[in-house]
Protein backbone atom coordinates (compact mmCIF):
# COMPACT_ATOMS: atom_id res chain seq x y z
CA MET A 1 -1.56 0.37 -32.88
CA LYS A 2 0.70 -1.55 -35.21
CA PRO A 3 -0.66 -3.23 -38.35
CA THR A 4 -0.01 -6.67 -36.82
CA LEU A 5 -2.26 -5.82 -33.90
CA ILE A 6 -4.96 -4.55 -36.22
CA ALA A 7 -4.80 -7.85 -38.09
CA LEU A 8 -5.05 -9.68 -34.76
CA PHE A 9 -8.13 -7.74 -33.79
CA SER A 10 -9.71 -8.59 -37.13
CA LEU A 11 -9.04 -12.26 -36.38
CA VAL A 12 -10.62 -11.91 -32.93
CA THR A 13 -13.70 -10.39 -34.57
CA ALA A 14 -13.99 -13.31 -36.98
CA ILE A 15 -13.68 -15.84 -34.17
CA SER A 16 -16.01 -14.14 -31.70
CA GLY A 17 -18.62 -13.07 -34.22
CA ALA A 18 -18.42 -9.51 -32.93
CA ALA A 19 -20.16 -7.00 -35.13
CA ILE A 20 -19.05 -3.87 -36.91
CA VAL A 21 -21.18 -1.13 -35.41
CA GLU A 22 -22.49 1.36 -37.99
CA LYS A 23 -24.73 4.29 -37.14
CA PRO A 24 -25.61 7.88 -38.07
CA VAL A 25 -24.42 10.60 -35.71
CA GLU A 26 -25.87 14.10 -35.54
CA TYR A 27 -23.58 16.95 -34.59
CA GLN A 28 -23.32 20.72 -34.94
CA ALA A 29 -21.02 22.68 -37.22
CA GLY A 30 -21.67 26.16 -35.95
CA GLU A 31 -25.41 26.68 -36.42
CA VAL A 32 -25.70 23.91 -39.01
CA LEU A 33 -26.99 20.46 -38.04
CA CYS A 34 -24.91 17.76 -39.70
CA GLU A 35 -25.30 14.00 -39.86
CA GLY A 36 -22.14 11.95 -40.11
CA TRP A 37 -21.62 8.19 -40.00
CA HIS A 38 -19.74 6.22 -37.35
CA ALA A 39 -18.25 2.74 -37.80
CA TYR A 40 -16.12 0.67 -35.45
CA ASP A 41 -15.41 -2.90 -34.41
CA ASP A 42 -16.90 -3.59 -30.97
CA ALA A 43 -14.37 -6.38 -30.41
CA VAL A 44 -11.55 -3.85 -30.19
CA MET A 45 -11.02 -2.65 -26.65
CA GLY A 46 -9.78 0.78 -25.65
CA LYS A 47 -8.48 3.63 -27.76
CA ARG A 48 -7.26 3.05 -31.28
CA PRO A 49 -6.03 4.90 -34.40
CA SER A 50 -8.95 6.71 -35.98
CA ILE A 51 -9.87 7.85 -39.47
CA LEU A 52 -11.98 10.78 -40.61
CA ILE A 53 -13.51 10.32 -44.08
CA VAL A 54 -14.73 13.26 -46.18
CA HIS A 55 -17.32 12.54 -48.84
CA GLN A 56 -17.38 13.24 -52.57
CA TRP A 57 -19.59 15.94 -54.13
CA THR A 58 -22.97 14.27 -53.54
CA GLY A 59 -22.51 14.27 -49.77
CA VAL A 60 -22.42 11.31 -47.40
CA SER A 61 -23.31 8.26 -49.49
CA ASP A 62 -23.20 4.48 -49.48
CA ASN A 63 -19.68 4.69 -50.88
CA GLU A 64 -18.29 6.47 -47.83
CA LYS A 65 -20.24 4.14 -45.53
CA MET A 66 -18.72 1.17 -47.35
CA ARG A 67 -15.21 2.56 -46.92
CA ALA A 68 -15.92 3.30 -43.26
CA LYS A 69 -16.89 -0.33 -42.71
CA MET A 70 -13.80 -1.56 -44.54
CA LEU A 71 -11.60 0.57 -42.29
CA ALA A 72 -13.49 -0.50 -39.16
CA GLU A 73 -12.82 -4.11 -40.15
CA LEU A 74 -9.12 -3.23 -40.03
CA GLY A 75 -9.50 -2.10 -36.44
CA TYR A 76 -9.86 1.65 -36.91
CA ASN A 77 -12.44 3.94 -35.33
CA VAL A 78 -14.03 5.73 -38.29
CA PHE A 79 -16.21 8.80 -38.69
CA VAL A 80 -17.60 10.15 -41.96
CA ALA A 81 -17.85 13.94 -41.99
CA ASP A 82 -20.92 15.72 -43.35
CA VAL A 83 -19.73 18.94 -44.94
CA TYR A 84 -23.10 19.97 -46.42
CA GLY A 85 -25.47 19.45 -43.48
CA LYS A 86 -28.15 16.91 -42.63
CA GLY A 87 -30.40 16.00 -45.53
CA ILE A 88 -28.35 17.86 -48.14
CA ARG A 89 -27.40 15.07 -50.54
CA PRO A 90 -27.45 16.66 -54.00
CA MET A 91 -27.12 14.82 -57.27
CA PRO A 92 -25.51 16.29 -60.43
CA PRO A 93 -25.72 19.01 -61.56
CA GLU A 94 -26.79 20.40 -58.19
CA SER A 95 -23.90 18.60 -56.49
CA GLY A 96 -21.48 20.69 -58.52
CA ARG A 97 -23.10 23.89 -57.31
CA GLU A 98 -23.14 22.70 -53.70
CA ALA A 99 -19.49 21.63 -53.78
CA GLY A 100 -18.64 24.94 -55.41
CA LYS A 101 -19.83 26.82 -52.34
CA TYR A 102 -17.00 25.27 -50.38
CA LYS A 103 -14.34 25.15 -53.08
CA THR A 104 -14.67 28.92 -53.41
CA ASN A 105 -14.73 29.42 -49.64
CA ARG A 106 -11.90 27.34 -48.24
CA ALA A 107 -12.30 28.84 -44.75
CA LEU A 108 -15.86 27.50 -44.61
CA LEU A 109 -14.71 24.13 -45.94
CA ARG A 110 -12.04 23.90 -43.25
CA ASP A 111 -14.57 24.82 -40.55
CA ARG A 112 -16.99 22.10 -41.63
CA VAL A 113 -14.32 19.40 -41.69
CA THR A 114 -12.86 20.59 -38.41
CA ALA A 115 -16.28 20.25 -36.74
CA ALA A 116 -16.32 16.57 -37.75
CA LEU A 117 -12.74 16.13 -36.56
CA VAL A 118 -13.79 17.41 -33.13
CA VAL A 119 -16.53 14.76 -32.98
CA LEU A 120 -14.07 12.01 -33.83
CA SER A 121 -11.41 13.34 -31.45
CA LYS A 122 -13.84 13.34 -28.52
CA ASP A 123 -15.06 9.80 -29.10
CA ALA A 124 -14.00 7.45 -26.30
CA ARG A 125 -12.47 5.00 -28.80
CA THR A 126 -10.17 7.55 -30.42
CA ASP A 127 -6.47 7.78 -29.75
CA SER A 128 -6.29 11.52 -30.31
CA ALA A 129 -2.57 11.30 -31.10
CA LYS A 130 -3.27 8.91 -33.99
CA ILE A 131 -5.84 10.42 -36.33
CA ALA A 132 -5.75 10.55 -40.12
CA CYS A 133 -8.12 12.11 -42.63
CA ILE A 134 -8.97 10.71 -46.05
CA GLY A 135 -11.26 12.05 -48.75
CA TYR A 136 -12.67 11.23 -52.16
CA CYS A 137 -12.87 13.76 -55.03
CA PHE A 138 -14.32 16.86 -53.32
CA GLY A 139 -13.40 15.15 -50.06
CA GLY A 140 -9.80 14.82 -51.16
CA THR A 141 -9.64 18.58 -51.52
CA ALA A 142 -11.30 18.92 -48.11
CA ALA A 143 -8.82 16.56 -46.45
CA ILE A 144 -5.89 18.61 -47.73
CA GLU A 145 -7.58 21.81 -46.57
CA LEU A 146 -7.92 20.31 -43.10
CA GLY A 147 -4.16 19.84 -43.12
CA ARG A 148 -3.65 23.40 -44.30
CA SER A 149 -5.73 24.62 -41.36
CA GLY A 150 -3.05 23.32 -39.00
CA ALA A 151 -5.17 20.46 -37.65
CA ALA A 152 -3.34 17.91 -35.51
CA VAL A 153 -3.67 14.90 -37.80
CA LYS A 154 -0.91 12.37 -38.40
CA GLY A 155 -1.76 11.83 -42.04
CA ILE A 156 -3.87 12.98 -44.96
CA VAL A 157 -4.90 10.87 -47.94
CA SER A 158 -6.54 12.29 -51.06
CA PHE A 159 -8.20 9.87 -53.49
CA HIS A 160 -8.59 11.59 -56.88
CA GLY A 161 -9.06 14.94 -55.14
CA GLY A 162 -8.55 18.44 -56.45
CA LEU A 163 -4.88 19.36 -56.10
CA ASP A 164 -4.94 23.10 -56.63
CA SER A 165 -2.96 25.38 -54.36
CA PRO A 166 -5.01 28.55 -53.67
CA THR A 167 -3.06 29.52 -50.53
CA PRO A 168 0.40 27.95 -50.89
CA GLU A 169 1.67 29.63 -47.74
CA ASP A 170 -0.77 27.49 -45.73
CA GLY A 171 1.17 24.39 -46.69
CA LYS A 172 3.55 25.27 -43.88
CA LYS A 173 0.73 24.54 -41.40
CA ILE A 174 0.47 20.89 -42.42
CA LYS A 175 1.63 18.85 -39.44
CA GLY A 176 1.33 15.29 -40.72
CA LYS A 177 2.40 13.30 -43.75
CA LEU A 178 0.39 13.54 -46.95
CA LEU A 179 -0.45 10.95 -49.61
CA ALA A 180 -2.08 12.03 -52.89
CA LEU A 181 -3.50 9.18 -54.98
CA HIS A 182 -4.18 10.52 -58.45
CA GLY A 183 -5.40 9.29 -61.81
CA ALA A 184 -2.62 10.01 -64.31
CA ASP A 185 -5.21 10.76 -67.00
CA ASP A 186 -7.59 12.80 -64.81
CA PRO A 187 -8.82 15.67 -67.04
CA PHE A 188 -10.30 17.58 -64.09
CA VAL A 189 -6.93 18.26 -62.48
CA PRO A 190 -4.92 20.51 -64.82
CA ALA A 191 -1.17 20.04 -65.07
CA LYS A 192 -0.70 23.52 -63.62
CA ASP A 193 -2.62 22.52 -60.49
CA LEU A 194 -0.55 19.39 -60.07
CA ALA A 195 2.65 21.39 -60.45
CA ALA A 196 1.46 24.05 -57.99
CA PHE A 197 0.51 21.40 -55.45
CA GLU A 198 3.92 19.73 -55.61
CA GLN A 199 5.66 23.10 -55.38
CA GLU A 200 3.62 23.98 -52.28
CA MET A 201 4.50 20.68 -50.63
CA LYS A 202 8.21 21.06 -51.42
CA ASP A 203 8.40 24.71 -50.37
CA SER A 204 6.57 23.90 -47.13
CA GLY A 205 8.74 20.93 -46.27
CA VAL A 206 5.77 18.55 -46.16
CA ASP A 207 6.54 14.84 -46.11
CA TYR A 208 4.37 13.92 -49.06
CA LYS A 209 4.00 11.30 -51.76
CA LEU A 210 2.16 11.63 -55.06
CA VAL A 211 1.14 8.38 -56.73
CA GLN A 212 -0.25 8.52 -60.27
CA TYR A 213 -2.10 5.55 -61.76
CA PRO A 214 -1.68 5.15 -65.54
CA GLY A 215 -4.95 4.87 -67.42
CA ALA A 216 -7.01 6.11 -64.47
CA VAL A 217 -9.20 9.18 -64.71
CA HIS A 218 -11.24 11.02 -62.09
CA SER A 219 -13.37 8.99 -59.62
CA PHE A 220 -11.32 5.83 -60.16
CA THR A 221 -12.48 4.36 -56.81
CA GLN A 222 -16.19 4.93 -57.52
CA ILE A 223 -17.93 1.92 -59.06
CA ALA A 224 -21.00 4.04 -59.82
CA ALA A 225 -18.89 6.19 -62.17
CA GLY A 226 -19.02 3.44 -64.82
CA ASN A 227 -16.09 2.43 -66.99
CA ASP A 228 -16.07 4.97 -69.83
CA ASN A 229 -12.84 6.96 -69.51
CA SER A 230 -13.99 9.35 -72.24
CA LYS A 231 -16.37 10.92 -69.72
CA GLY A 232 -13.42 11.99 -67.62
CA ALA A 233 -14.67 10.11 -64.56
CA ALA A 234 -14.72 6.31 -64.46
CA TYR A 235 -14.05 3.38 -62.16
CA ASN A 236 -10.70 1.63 -62.50
CA GLU A 237 -10.49 -1.61 -60.53
CA ALA A 238 -6.70 -1.85 -60.65
CA ALA A 239 -6.22 1.72 -59.43
CA ASP A 240 -8.91 1.29 -56.79
CA LYS A 241 -7.23 -1.78 -55.30
CA ALA A 242 -3.71 -0.40 -55.61
CA SER A 243 -4.63 2.92 -53.99
CA TRP A 244 -6.35 1.16 -51.09
CA GLU A 245 -3.22 -0.90 -50.44
CA GLU A 246 -1.10 2.25 -50.70
CA MET A 247 -3.31 3.88 -48.08
CA LYS A 248 -3.07 0.88 -45.74
CA ALA A 249 0.72 0.89 -45.97
CA PHE A 250 0.71 4.65 -45.30
CA PHE A 251 -1.36 4.13 -42.15
CA GLY A 252 1.01 1.39 -41.07
CA ARG A 253 3.88 3.87 -41.24
CA ILE A 254 2.27 6.87 -39.58
CA PHE A 255 0.67 4.89 -36.76
CA ALA A 256 3.69 2.69 -36.04
CA ASP A 257 5.01 4.84 -33.18
């Protein structure tokens, strides 16, 4: 679906008063019961490009649901993955420990995201040849790991995600294009990680783009992070808006076929 058609569908929605459908969806990841979130525009007929969203370190939250609705309003079929499992929605400092279970076990992280990808792929609205995955913070790391697993996704977008490269040889498994949206002043992503990530992408021949936003630190899309850069994580309205537009243009390119 081309961007012009997505815009047309949005106009149809506005005229008809059709609603954005939003609902929780239970699914299994192995033996673990998970609860994701589904959003789509019921005015759009047939299959369409679809987006998998992976949450930040506190699990599925209002922020991911908000982004899912925003994408559904653009005409996409959207599913929010639940990496942790139903009811596991930790707050700091517990969220750091929970996220750490998956950051130190990338195979498990890939499995959990893949389980959500299967749910999205099987949905009747999904054009299985046009799926992208995006993620925020912890979810940005997870989205890249999904690519490294060899998953058949057209694109990957990381918003202020971890950009380390623990298994650089797996970069060769990435099938789609990759967009990393990064705060130039993010203290949680060391320069060595950034360099290793770029080296992995180059060595693997991945079609990637790294965009760094001056003055932005970690969590620059998260309003709840406040505006104190000295904490290392803070909202940055300019970077938030610019990164969203960058993502939309990226989708326009990868789904244009």
